[in-house]
Amino acid sequence: MTATTAAPLTPLAVLTAAAAVITARGFYQPASRSWEAARPTISDVEPLLFGWEFHERGDAALFARAATASRDIPAAVLQWCAAGSAPGHSDYRAKLARLASRPTVTPGSLPLLVSAVGAWQEEQRRHARAHQAAADAANSRHQGEPKERITRRVTVVARVRQDDRSYGYRVQSRYLIKMRDEGVRLRE
């Protein structure tokens, strides 16, 4: 297919379309894994950018609703891409920084720029998990006294499988259960 548009594509326009598609679909699917059941994200972004016919009926309305829900994402991703030119970043981030600094984008560089939204979202999730783990570690303290029974409402936040242990002729599965107690103030 030939890409013909009246106006040249800007990096922000591509990121806006990618954010709408990823928000609507709930995930980023790379084109390199096109054998999987999920359609590659670029296959939905191109019709949105170039005015082509969508793959499924109702996609136009779905992406329009998702665009309003994800309106802050493209600017944040563009800023994240531009920050990739700093020393210490990967080649991937350096390529994104070069694309983000250009006034227009060629159709050949669309897949790389579309992938930036998924990479940015994954980095945001990674930072949130690290922040939560640090907060949990800072607030984690032993509760109660030996032989004291404590009854509290907790939320199980993680279940980590440990190595099995053998006791005599029996093998016992072991798990580390991490819980969060939101309502009770910890002892100082």
C-alpha atoms as a PDB file:
ATOM      1  CA  MET A   1       0.000   0.000   0.000  1.00  0.00           C
ATOM      2  CA  THR A   2       1.181   3.461  -0.757  1.00  0.00           C
ATOM      3  CA  ALA A   3       0.916   6.106   1.895  1.00  0.00           C
ATOM      4  CA  THR A   4      -0.662   9.232   0.497  1.00  0.00           C
ATOM      5  CA  THR A   5      -1.695  11.985   2.826  1.00  0.00           C
ATOM      6  CA  ALA A   6      -2.466  15.647   2.307  1.00  0.00           C
ATOM      7  CA  ALA A   7      -0.387  16.756   5.276  1.00  0.00           C
ATOM      8  CA  PRO A   8       2.991  15.352   6.301  1.00  0.00           C
ATOM      9  CA  LEU A   9       3.076  13.151   9.371  1.00  0.00           C
ATOM     10  CA  THR A  10       4.512  14.698  12.513  1.00  0.00           C
ATOM     11  CA  PRO A  11       5.932  12.575  15.339  1.00  0.00           C
ATOM     12  CA  LEU A  12       3.171  13.852  17.639  1.00  0.00           C
ATOM     13  CA  ALA A  13       0.453  12.774  15.168  1.00  0.00           C
ATOM     14  CA  VAL A  14       1.938   9.278  14.949  1.00  0.00           C
ATOM     15  CA  LEU A  15       2.228   8.997  18.732  1.00  0.00           C
ATOM     16  CA  THR A  16      -1.364  10.249  19.134  1.00  0.00           C
ATOM     17  CA  ALA A  17      -2.645   7.538  16.789  1.00  0.00           C
ATOM     18  CA  ALA A  18      -0.489   4.888  18.460  1.00  0.00           C
ATOM     19  CA  ALA A  19      -1.670   5.897  21.936  1.00  0.00           C
ATOM     20  CA  ALA A  20      -5.312   5.694  20.811  1.00  0.00           C
ATOM     21  CA  VAL A  21      -4.842   2.222  19.313  1.00  0.00           C
ATOM     22  CA  ILE A  22      -2.867   0.863  22.287  1.00  0.00           C
ATOM     23  CA  THR A  23      -5.404   2.302  24.739  1.00  0.00           C
ATOM     24  CA  ALA A  24      -8.288   0.804  22.776  1.00  0.00           C
ATOM     25  CA  ARG A  25      -6.673  -2.610  22.361  1.00  0.00           C
ATOM     26  CA  GLY A  26      -5.116  -2.681  25.829  1.00  0.00           C
ATOM     27  CA  PHE A  27      -1.645  -3.752  24.656  1.00  0.00           C
ATOM     28  CA  TYR A  28       1.133  -3.122  22.146  1.00  0.00           C
ATOM     29  CA  GLN A  29       1.728  -5.901  19.597  1.00  0.00           C
ATOM     30  CA  PRO A  30       5.001  -5.687  17.637  1.00  0.00           C
ATOM     31  CA  ALA A  31       4.968  -6.357  13.901  1.00  0.00           C
ATOM     32  CA  SER A  32       7.780  -8.869  14.392  1.00  0.00           C
ATOM     33  CA  ARG A  33       5.301 -11.245  16.082  1.00  0.00           C
ATOM     34  CA  SER A  34       2.711 -11.149  13.318  1.00  0.00           C
ATOM     35  CA  TRP A  35       2.105 -14.935  13.505  1.00  0.00           C
ATOM     36  CA  GLU A  36       0.315 -14.483  16.836  1.00  0.00           C
ATOM     37  CA  ALA A  37      -3.445 -14.069  17.019  1.00  0.00           C
ATOM     38  CA  ALA A  38      -3.251 -10.384  17.974  1.00  0.00           C
ATOM     39  CA  ARG A  39      -3.008  -7.947  15.082  1.00  0.00           C
ATOM     40  CA  PRO A  40       0.207  -5.866  15.092  1.00  0.00           C
ATOM     41  CA  THR A  41      -0.390  -2.365  16.412  1.00  0.00           C
ATOM     42  CA  ILE A  42       1.033  -0.762  13.274  1.00  0.00           C
ATOM     43  CA  SER A  43      -1.751  -2.462  11.270  1.00  0.00           C
ATOM     44  CA  ASP A  44      -4.289  -0.398  13.198  1.00  0.00           C
ATOM     45  CA  VAL A  45      -2.243   2.811  13.292  1.00  0.00           C
ATOM     46  CA  GLU A  46      -1.734   3.061   9.524  1.00  0.00           C
ATOM     47  CA  PRO A  47      -5.461   3.133   8.642  1.00  0.00           C
ATOM     48  CA  LEU A  48      -5.979   5.736  11.350  1.00  0.00           C
ATOM     49  CA  LEU A  49      -3.193   7.961   9.988  1.00  0.00           C
ATOM     50  CA  PHE A  50      -3.760   7.534   6.269  1.00  0.00           C
ATOM     51  CA  GLY A  51      -7.559   7.294   6.166  1.00  0.00           C
ATOM     52  CA  TRP A  52      -7.571   3.717   4.930  1.00  0.00           C
ATOM     53  CA  GLU A  53     -10.384   1.270   5.613  1.00  0.00           C
ATOM     54  CA  PHE A  54     -10.247  -0.279   9.081  1.00  0.00           C
ATOM     55  CA  HIS A  55      -9.905  -4.028   9.592  1.00  0.00           C
ATOM     56  CA  GLU A  56     -13.018  -4.389  11.731  1.00  0.00           C
ATOM     57  CA  ARG A  57     -16.313  -2.575  11.786  1.00  0.00           C
ATOM     58  CA  GLY A  58     -16.510  -0.143  14.694  1.00  0.00           C
ATOM     59  CA  ASP A  59     -12.764   0.436  14.963  1.00  0.00           C
ATOM     60  CA  ALA A  60     -13.089   4.109  14.010  1.00  0.00           C
ATOM     61  CA  ALA A  61     -15.456   4.813  16.916  1.00  0.00           C
ATOM     62  CA  LEU A  62     -13.370   2.670  19.281  1.00  0.00           C
ATOM     63  CA  PHE A  63     -10.180   4.556  18.434  1.00  0.00           C
ATOM     64  CA  ALA A  64     -11.933   7.936  18.652  1.00  0.00           C
ATOM     65  CA  ARG A  65     -13.121   7.153  22.195  1.00  0.00           C
ATOM     66  CA  ALA A  66      -9.664   5.898  23.147  1.00  0.00           C
ATOM     67  CA  ALA A  67      -8.049   9.062  21.750  1.00  0.00           C
ATOM     68  CA  THR A  68      -9.909  11.197  24.278  1.00  0.00           C
ATOM     69  CA  ALA A  69      -8.937   8.829  27.097  1.00  0.00           C
ATOM     70  CA  SER A  70      -5.269   8.908  26.117  1.00  0.00           C
ATOM     71  CA  ARG A  71      -4.821  12.559  25.193  1.00  0.00           C
ATOM     72  CA  ASP A  72      -1.942  13.198  27.677  1.00  0.00           C
ATOM     73  CA  ILE A  73       0.125  10.189  26.598  1.00  0.00           C
ATOM     74  CA  PRO A  74       1.525  11.413  23.218  1.00  0.00           C
ATOM     75  CA  ALA A  75       3.188  14.536  24.649  1.00  0.00           C
ATOM     76  CA  ALA A  76       4.719  12.528  27.507  1.00  0.00           C
ATOM     77  CA  VAL A  77       6.012   9.887  25.083  1.00  0.00           C
ATOM     78  CA  LEU A  78       7.451  12.561  22.770  1.00  0.00           C
ATOM     79  CA  GLN A  79       9.295  14.110  25.711  1.00  0.00           C
ATOM     80  CA  TRP A  80      10.519  10.631  26.780  1.00  0.00           C
ATOM     81  CA  CYS A  81      11.753   9.981  23.230  1.00  0.00           C
ATOM     82  CA  ALA A  82      13.609  13.291  23.109  1.00  0.00           C
ATOM     83  CA  ALA A  83      15.331  12.486  26.409  1.00  0.00           C
ATOM     84  CA  GLY A  84      16.804   9.365  24.808  1.00  0.00           C
ATOM     85  CA  SER A  85      19.591  11.364  23.192  1.00  0.00           C
ATOM     86  CA  ALA A  86      21.329  11.744  26.549  1.00  0.00           C
ATOM     87  CA  PRO A  87      24.437   9.609  27.097  1.00  0.00           C
ATOM     88  CA  GLY A  88      23.848   6.222  28.653  1.00  0.00           C
ATOM     89  CA  HIS A  89      20.661   5.368  26.788  1.00  0.00           C
ATOM     90  CA  SER A  90      20.314   2.429  24.416  1.00  0.00           C
ATOM     91  CA  ASP A  91      20.542   2.619  20.616  1.00  0.00           C
ATOM     92  CA  TYR A  92      16.765   2.165  20.536  1.00  0.00           C
ATOM     93  CA  ARG A  93      16.247   5.309  22.617  1.00  0.00           C
ATOM     94  CA  ALA A  94      18.802   7.217  20.500  1.00  0.00           C
ATOM     95  CA  LYS A  95      16.895   6.285  17.320  1.00  0.00           C
ATOM     96  CA  LEU A  96      13.638   7.400  18.924  1.00  0.00           C
ATOM     97  CA  ALA A  97      15.272  10.696  19.925  1.00  0.00           C
ATOM     98  CA  ARG A  98      16.335  11.315  16.323  1.00  0.00           C
ATOM     99  CA  LEU A  99      12.811  10.541  15.066  1.00  0.00           C
ATOM    100  CA  ALA A 100      11.179  12.738  17.712  1.00  0.00           C
ATOM    101  CA  SER A 101      13.377  15.704  16.822  1.00  0.00           C
ATOM    102  CA  ARG A 102      12.409  15.643  13.139  1.00  0.00           C
ATOM    103  CA  PRO A 103       9.552  17.825  11.916  1.00  0.00           C
ATOM    104  CA  THR A 104       8.074  15.004   9.811  1.00  0.00           C
ATOM    105  CA  VAL A 105       8.170  11.215   9.836  1.00  0.00           C
ATOM    106  CA  THR A 106       8.492   8.906   6.837  1.00  0.00           C
ATOM    107  CA  PRO A 107       6.168   5.893   6.552  1.00  0.00           C
ATOM    108  CA  GLY A 108       9.190   3.580   6.861  1.00  0.00           C
ATOM    109  CA  SER A 109       9.916   4.807  10.384  1.00  0.00           C
ATOM    110  CA  LEU A 110       6.336   4.410  11.648  1.00  0.00           C
ATOM    111  CA  PRO A 111       6.813   0.987  13.310  1.00  0.00           C
ATOM    112  CA  LEU A 112       9.732   2.264  15.390  1.00  0.00           C
ATOM    113  CA  LEU A 113       7.878   5.371  16.507  1.00  0.00           C
ATOM    114  CA  VAL A 114       4.691   3.407  17.271  1.00  0.00           C
ATOM    115  CA  SER A 115       6.707   1.056  19.496  1.00  0.00           C
ATOM    116  CA  ALA A 116       7.715   4.032  21.654  1.00  0.00           C
ATOM    117  CA  VAL A 117       4.265   4.201  23.257  1.00  0.00           C
ATOM    118  CA  GLY A 118       4.451   0.572  24.410  1.00  0.00           C
ATOM    119  CA  ALA A 119       8.040   1.002  25.636  1.00  0.00           C
ATOM    120  CA  TRP A 120       7.129   4.173  27.537  1.00  0.00           C
ATOM    121  CA  GLN A 121       4.138   2.467  29.183  1.00  0.00           C
ATOM    122  CA  GLU A 122       6.301  -0.490  30.215  1.00  0.00           C
ATOM    123  CA  GLU A 123       8.876   1.864  31.737  1.00  0.00           C
ATOM    124  CA  GLN A 124       6.100   3.649  33.653  1.00  0.00           C
ATOM    125  CA  ARG A 125       4.870   0.307  35.025  1.00  0.00           C
ATOM    126  CA  ARG A 126       8.437  -0.696  35.970  1.00  0.00           C
ATOM    127  CA  HIS A 127       8.962   2.585  37.862  1.00  0.00           C
ATOM    128  CA  ALA A 128       5.614   2.205  39.643  1.00  0.00           C
ATOM    129  CA  ARG A 129       6.498  -1.350  40.733  1.00  0.00           C
ATOM    130  CA  ALA A 130       9.921  -0.215  41.981  1.00  0.00           C
ATOM    131  CA  HIS A 131       8.361   2.706  43.868  1.00  0.00           C
ATOM    132  CA  GLN A 132       5.735   0.417  45.425  1.00  0.00           C
ATOM    133  CA  ALA A 133       8.391  -2.140  46.404  1.00  0.00           C
ATOM    134  CA  ALA A 134      10.484   0.582  48.063  1.00  0.00           C
ATOM    135  CA  ALA A 135       7.441   1.909  49.933  1.00  0.00           C
ATOM    136  CA  ASP A 136       6.476  -1.613  51.008  1.00  0.00           C
ATOM    137  CA  ALA A 137      10.017  -2.322  52.217  1.00  0.00           C
ATOM    138  CA  ALA A 138      10.105   0.934  54.196  1.00  0.00           C
ATOM    139  CA  ASN A 139       6.757   0.151  55.863  1.00  0.00           C
ATOM    140  CA  SER A 140       7.316  -3.559  56.415  1.00  0.00           C
ATOM    141  CA  ARG A 141       7.696  -4.341  60.099  1.00  0.00           C
ATOM    142  CA  HIS A 142       7.067  -7.305  62.313  1.00  0.00           C
ATOM    143  CA  GLN A 143       3.562  -7.221  63.766  1.00  0.00           C
ATOM    144  CA  GLY A 144       2.559  -8.502  67.194  1.00  0.00           C
ATOM    145  CA  GLU A 145       4.392 -10.413  69.888  1.00  0.00           C
ATOM    146  CA  PRO A 146       5.397 -14.095  69.982  1.00  0.00           C
ATOM    147  CA  LYS A 147       2.330 -16.357  70.413  1.00  0.00           C
ATOM    148  CA  GLU A 148      -0.024 -13.407  69.955  1.00  0.00           C
ATOM    149  CA  ARG A 149      -2.868 -14.011  67.513  1.00  0.00           C
ATOM    150  CA  ILE A 150      -3.627 -11.044  65.279  1.00  0.00           C
ATOM    151  CA  THR A 151      -6.748 -10.758  63.156  1.00  0.00           C
ATOM    152  CA  ARG A 152      -6.705  -8.127  60.432  1.00  0.00           C
ATOM    153  CA  ARG A 153      -8.068  -7.469  56.984  1.00  0.00           C
ATOM    154  CA  VAL A 154      -5.237  -7.628  54.456  1.00  0.00           C
ATOM    155  CA  THR A 155      -4.832  -7.613  50.711  1.00  0.00           C
ATOM    156  CA  VAL A 156      -2.626 -10.285  49.174  1.00  0.00           C
ATOM    157  CA  VAL A 157      -0.277  -8.452  46.811  1.00  0.00           C
ATOM    158  CA  ALA A 158       2.053 -11.269  45.777  1.00  0.00           C
ATOM    159  CA  ARG A 159       2.394 -15.027  45.955  1.00  0.00           C
ATOM    160  CA  VAL A 160       5.958 -16.161  45.290  1.00  0.00           C
ATOM    161  CA  ARG A 161       6.700 -19.847  44.820  1.00  0.00           C
ATOM    162  CA  GLN A 162       9.659 -21.035  46.887  1.00  0.00           C
ATOM    163  CA  ASP A 163      11.760 -24.182  46.466  1.00  0.00           C
ATOM    164  CA  ASP A 164       9.995 -27.374  47.516  1.00  0.00           C
ATOM    165  CA  ARG A 165      11.130 -28.972  50.770  1.00  0.00           C
ATOM    166  CA  SER A 166      11.288 -32.674  51.549  1.00  0.00           C
ATOM    167  CA  TYR A 167      10.138 -33.820  54.970  1.00  0.00           C
ATOM    168  CA  GLY A 168      10.802 -37.536  55.292  1.00  0.00           C
ATOM    169  CA  TYR A 169       9.220 -39.077  52.201  1.00  0.00           C
ATOM    170  CA  ARG A 170       6.909 -36.162  51.486  1.00  0.00           C
ATOM    171  CA  VAL A 171       7.587 -33.130  49.324  1.00  0.00           C
ATOM    172  CA  GLN A 172       5.911 -29.954  50.463  1.00  0.00           C
ATOM    173  CA  SER A 173       5.285 -26.932  48.226  1.00  0.00           C
ATOM    174  CA  ARG A 174       6.185 -23.621  49.814  1.00  0.00           C
ATOM    175  CA  TYR A 175       5.003 -20.091  49.043  1.00  0.00           C
ATOM    176  CA  LEU A 176       5.897 -16.662  50.335  1.00  0.00           C
ATOM    177  CA  ILE A 177       2.694 -14.642  50.675  1.00  0.00           C
ATOM    178  CA  LYS A 178       3.083 -10.855  50.737  1.00  0.00           C
ATOM    179  CA  MET A 179       0.190  -8.916  52.240  1.00  0.00           C
ATOM    180  CA  ARG A 180      -0.619  -5.248  52.621  1.00  0.00           C
ATOM    181  CA  ASP A 181      -2.608  -3.862  55.510  1.00  0.00           C
ATOM    182  CA  GLU A 182      -3.975  -0.464  54.511  1.00  0.00           C
ATOM    183  CA  GLY A 183      -6.082   0.381  57.554  1.00  0.00           C
ATOM    184  CA  VAL A 184      -3.789  -0.294  60.518  1.00  0.00           C
ATOM    185  CA  ARG A 185      -1.003   2.090  61.438  1.00  0.00           C
ATOM    186  CA  LEU A 186       2.348   0.382  61.911  1.00  0.00           C
ATOM    187  CA  ARG A 187       4.215   0.598  65.182  1.00  0.00           C
ATOM    188  CA  GLU A 188       7.122   2.993  65.253  1.00  0.00           C
END
